[in-house]
N, C-alpha and C. Protein backbone atom coordinates (compact mmCIF):
# COMPACT_ATOMS: atom_id res chain seq x y z
N MET A 1 107.23 -18.89 115.39
CA MET A 1 107.00 -17.58 114.82
C MET A 1 105.50 -17.33 114.69
N SER A 2 105.06 -16.14 115.02
CA SER A 2 103.65 -15.83 114.87
C SER A 2 103.47 -14.88 113.68
N GLU A 3 102.34 -15.04 113.02
CA GLU A 3 102.03 -14.17 111.90
C GLU A 3 101.37 -12.91 112.41
N VAL A 4 101.75 -11.78 111.86
CA VAL A 4 101.14 -10.51 112.21
C VAL A 4 100.10 -10.21 111.15
N GLU A 5 98.88 -9.99 111.60
CA GLU A 5 97.80 -9.69 110.67
C GLU A 5 97.99 -8.27 110.14
N GLN A 6 98.02 -8.15 108.80
CA GLN A 6 98.15 -6.83 108.20
C GLN A 6 96.77 -6.33 107.81
N LYS A 7 96.47 -5.12 108.22
CA LYS A 7 95.18 -4.52 107.92
C LYS A 7 95.22 -3.86 106.55
N GLU A 8 94.08 -3.87 105.88
CA GLU A 8 93.97 -3.17 104.61
C GLU A 8 94.05 -1.68 104.85
N THR A 9 94.74 -0.98 103.96
CA THR A 9 94.82 0.47 104.05
C THR A 9 94.43 1.09 102.72
N GLU A 10 94.08 2.35 102.78
CA GLU A 10 93.80 3.11 101.58
C GLU A 10 94.39 4.51 101.74
N TYR A 11 94.69 5.14 100.62
CA TYR A 11 95.23 6.50 100.61
C TYR A 11 94.11 7.46 100.26
N VAL A 12 93.90 8.47 101.09
CA VAL A 12 92.88 9.48 100.85
C VAL A 12 93.59 10.83 100.71
N ALA A 13 93.41 11.48 99.56
CA ALA A 13 94.00 12.80 99.33
C ALA A 13 92.88 13.77 99.03
N GLY A 14 92.93 14.93 99.66
CA GLY A 14 91.90 15.93 99.41
C GLY A 14 92.03 17.11 100.35
N THR A 15 91.01 17.94 100.34
CA THR A 15 90.98 19.14 101.16
C THR A 15 90.39 18.83 102.53
N ILE A 16 91.08 19.25 103.56
CA ILE A 16 90.60 19.08 104.94
C ILE A 16 89.51 20.12 105.16
N THR A 17 88.28 19.65 105.38
CA THR A 17 87.15 20.59 105.47
C THR A 17 86.66 20.83 106.89
N GLY A 18 87.05 20.00 107.84
CA GLY A 18 86.60 20.23 109.21
C GLY A 18 86.97 19.11 110.15
N ILE A 19 86.82 19.38 111.43
CA ILE A 19 87.10 18.39 112.48
C ILE A 19 85.94 18.45 113.47
N ILE A 20 85.41 17.27 113.79
CA ILE A 20 84.31 17.18 114.74
C ILE A 20 84.74 16.28 115.89
N GLN A 21 84.58 16.76 117.12
CA GLN A 21 84.87 15.93 118.28
C GLN A 21 83.66 15.05 118.55
N LYS A 22 83.86 13.72 118.54
CA LYS A 22 82.77 12.77 118.72
C LYS A 22 82.69 12.22 120.14
N ALA A 23 83.78 12.27 120.86
CA ALA A 23 83.85 11.83 122.26
C ALA A 23 85.05 12.53 122.88
N VAL A 24 85.28 12.28 124.16
CA VAL A 24 86.40 12.93 124.85
C VAL A 24 87.72 12.67 124.13
N ASP A 25 87.89 11.45 123.60
CA ASP A 25 89.16 11.08 122.97
C ASP A 25 88.99 10.59 121.53
N LYS A 26 87.93 11.03 120.83
CA LYS A 26 87.69 10.61 119.44
C LYS A 26 87.30 11.81 118.60
N TRP A 27 87.90 11.89 117.41
CA TRP A 27 87.60 12.96 116.48
C TRP A 27 87.34 12.39 115.10
N GLN A 28 86.62 13.16 114.31
CA GLN A 28 86.34 12.81 112.93
C GLN A 28 86.87 13.96 112.08
N VAL A 29 87.82 13.64 111.19
CA VAL A 29 88.41 14.63 110.30
C VAL A 29 87.73 14.47 108.94
N ALA A 30 87.07 15.52 108.47
CA ALA A 30 86.38 15.47 107.18
C ALA A 30 87.37 15.88 106.08
N VAL A 31 87.52 15.01 105.08
CA VAL A 31 88.41 15.27 103.96
C VAL A 31 87.61 15.11 102.67
N GLN A 32 87.58 16.15 101.86
CA GLN A 32 86.89 16.12 100.56
C GLN A 32 87.91 15.63 99.53
N PRO A 33 87.79 14.35 99.10
CA PRO A 33 88.77 13.81 98.14
C PRO A 33 88.73 14.56 96.81
N ASP A 34 89.87 14.58 96.14
CA ASP A 34 89.98 15.22 94.84
C ASP A 34 88.95 14.61 93.89
N GLY A 35 88.16 15.45 93.24
CA GLY A 35 87.21 14.99 92.25
C GLY A 35 85.93 14.37 92.80
N SER A 36 85.69 14.48 94.11
CA SER A 36 84.50 13.90 94.71
C SER A 36 83.65 15.01 95.35
N GLN A 37 82.35 14.84 95.29
CA GLN A 37 81.48 15.81 95.96
C GLN A 37 81.21 15.45 97.41
N TYR A 38 81.59 14.23 97.81
CA TYR A 38 81.33 13.76 99.17
C TYR A 38 82.62 13.71 99.98
N ALA A 39 82.53 14.14 101.24
CA ALA A 39 83.68 14.08 102.13
C ALA A 39 83.81 12.69 102.73
N LYS A 40 85.04 12.30 103.02
CA LYS A 40 85.31 11.07 103.77
C LYS A 40 85.57 11.50 105.20
N ASN A 41 84.99 10.79 106.13
CA ASN A 41 85.17 11.08 107.55
C ASN A 41 86.19 10.11 108.12
N LEU A 42 87.35 10.62 108.44
CA LEU A 42 88.46 9.81 108.95
C LEU A 42 88.49 9.94 110.47
N TRP A 43 88.45 8.79 111.16
CA TRP A 43 88.41 8.78 112.62
C TRP A 43 89.82 8.70 113.19
N THR A 44 90.03 9.38 114.32
CA THR A 44 91.31 9.30 115.01
C THR A 44 91.11 9.49 116.51
N LYS A 45 92.07 8.99 117.26
CA LYS A 45 92.13 9.22 118.71
C LYS A 45 93.40 9.99 119.07
N ASP A 46 94.11 10.48 118.05
CA ASP A 46 95.39 11.16 118.23
C ASP A 46 95.17 12.67 118.41
N ALA A 47 95.22 13.12 119.66
CA ALA A 47 94.97 14.53 119.98
C ALA A 47 96.00 15.45 119.33
N GLU A 48 97.25 15.01 119.25
CA GLU A 48 98.29 15.84 118.62
C GLU A 48 98.02 16.02 117.13
N LEU A 49 97.57 14.96 116.47
CA LEU A 49 97.23 15.05 115.05
C LEU A 49 96.08 16.02 114.84
N VAL A 50 95.06 15.93 115.67
CA VAL A 50 93.91 16.82 115.57
C VAL A 50 94.34 18.27 115.77
N SER A 51 95.21 18.51 116.72
CA SER A 51 95.71 19.86 116.97
C SER A 51 96.44 20.41 115.75
N ALA A 52 97.27 19.58 115.14
CA ALA A 52 98.02 20.00 113.95
C ALA A 52 97.09 20.22 112.77
N LEU A 53 96.12 19.33 112.59
CA LEU A 53 95.21 19.44 111.44
C LEU A 53 94.25 20.62 111.58
N SER A 54 93.94 21.02 112.79
CA SER A 54 93.03 22.16 112.97
C SER A 54 93.62 23.44 112.38
N GLN A 55 94.94 23.50 112.28
CA GLN A 55 95.62 24.64 111.67
C GLN A 55 95.62 24.54 110.15
N LYS A 56 95.23 23.37 109.61
CA LYS A 56 95.31 23.13 108.17
C LYS A 56 93.95 22.97 107.50
N ILE A 57 92.89 23.37 108.17
CA ILE A 57 91.56 23.29 107.54
C ILE A 57 91.57 24.19 106.31
N GLY A 58 91.11 23.65 105.20
CA GLY A 58 91.14 24.35 103.92
C GLY A 58 92.35 24.00 103.08
N ALA A 59 93.33 23.32 103.67
CA ALA A 59 94.54 22.92 102.95
C ALA A 59 94.37 21.51 102.38
N HIS A 60 95.21 21.17 101.43
CA HIS A 60 95.19 19.85 100.81
C HIS A 60 96.11 18.94 101.62
N GLY A 61 95.69 17.70 101.82
CA GLY A 61 96.51 16.74 102.56
C GLY A 61 96.28 15.33 102.07
N GLY A 62 97.17 14.45 102.45
CA GLY A 62 97.06 13.04 102.11
C GLY A 62 97.16 12.20 103.36
N PHE A 63 96.36 11.13 103.43
CA PHE A 63 96.29 10.30 104.62
C PHE A 63 96.29 8.83 104.25
N VAL A 64 97.04 8.02 104.96
CA VAL A 64 96.98 6.57 104.83
C VAL A 64 96.08 6.10 105.97
N CYS A 65 94.98 5.44 105.62
CA CYS A 65 93.95 5.09 106.59
C CYS A 65 93.63 3.60 106.53
N GLY A 66 93.09 3.10 107.62
CA GLY A 66 92.53 1.75 107.61
C GLY A 66 91.25 1.75 106.79
N VAL A 67 91.00 0.67 106.08
CA VAL A 67 89.81 0.56 105.24
C VAL A 67 88.60 0.29 106.13
N SER A 68 87.50 0.98 105.86
CA SER A 68 86.26 0.78 106.60
C SER A 68 85.59 -0.49 106.14
N LEU A 69 85.16 -1.30 107.08
CA LEU A 69 84.45 -2.53 106.76
C LEU A 69 82.97 -2.40 107.10
N TRP A 70 82.51 -1.18 107.29
CA TRP A 70 81.10 -0.94 107.62
C TRP A 70 80.27 -1.10 106.36
N THR A 71 79.03 -1.52 106.55
CA THR A 71 78.10 -1.63 105.42
C THR A 71 76.80 -0.91 105.79
N ASN A 72 76.08 -0.45 104.74
CA ASN A 72 74.80 0.19 104.99
C ASN A 72 73.70 -0.87 105.03
N GLN A 73 72.47 -0.45 105.11
CA GLN A 73 71.35 -1.40 105.22
C GLN A 73 71.21 -2.28 103.98
N SER A 74 71.72 -1.81 102.84
CA SER A 74 71.67 -2.60 101.61
C SER A 74 72.82 -3.58 101.50
N GLY A 75 73.76 -3.52 102.45
CA GLY A 75 74.90 -4.42 102.43
C GLY A 75 76.08 -3.87 101.64
N GLN A 76 75.99 -2.62 101.16
CA GLN A 76 77.09 -2.01 100.42
C GLN A 76 78.09 -1.41 101.38
N ALA A 77 79.37 -1.47 100.99
CA ALA A 77 80.43 -0.91 101.83
C ALA A 77 80.26 0.60 101.97
N VAL A 78 80.53 1.09 103.17
CA VAL A 78 80.42 2.53 103.45
C VAL A 78 81.82 3.07 103.67
């Protein structure tokens, strides 16, 4: 039997504020979480999801996302 590695996830709920195409098959969905002044940029390669979300800009939504393991120059999680 092999073990399946489970990735950390987080739930992001907030207002969908925009979608930016970053490459031919990559998009960044900006979500302003409830009670935060900063948007979270959620990455996707799902063209159908982007098409559906483009109709919902300004609406409230919830997303289950993989946790970012990126760090800034100070070593803090981004």
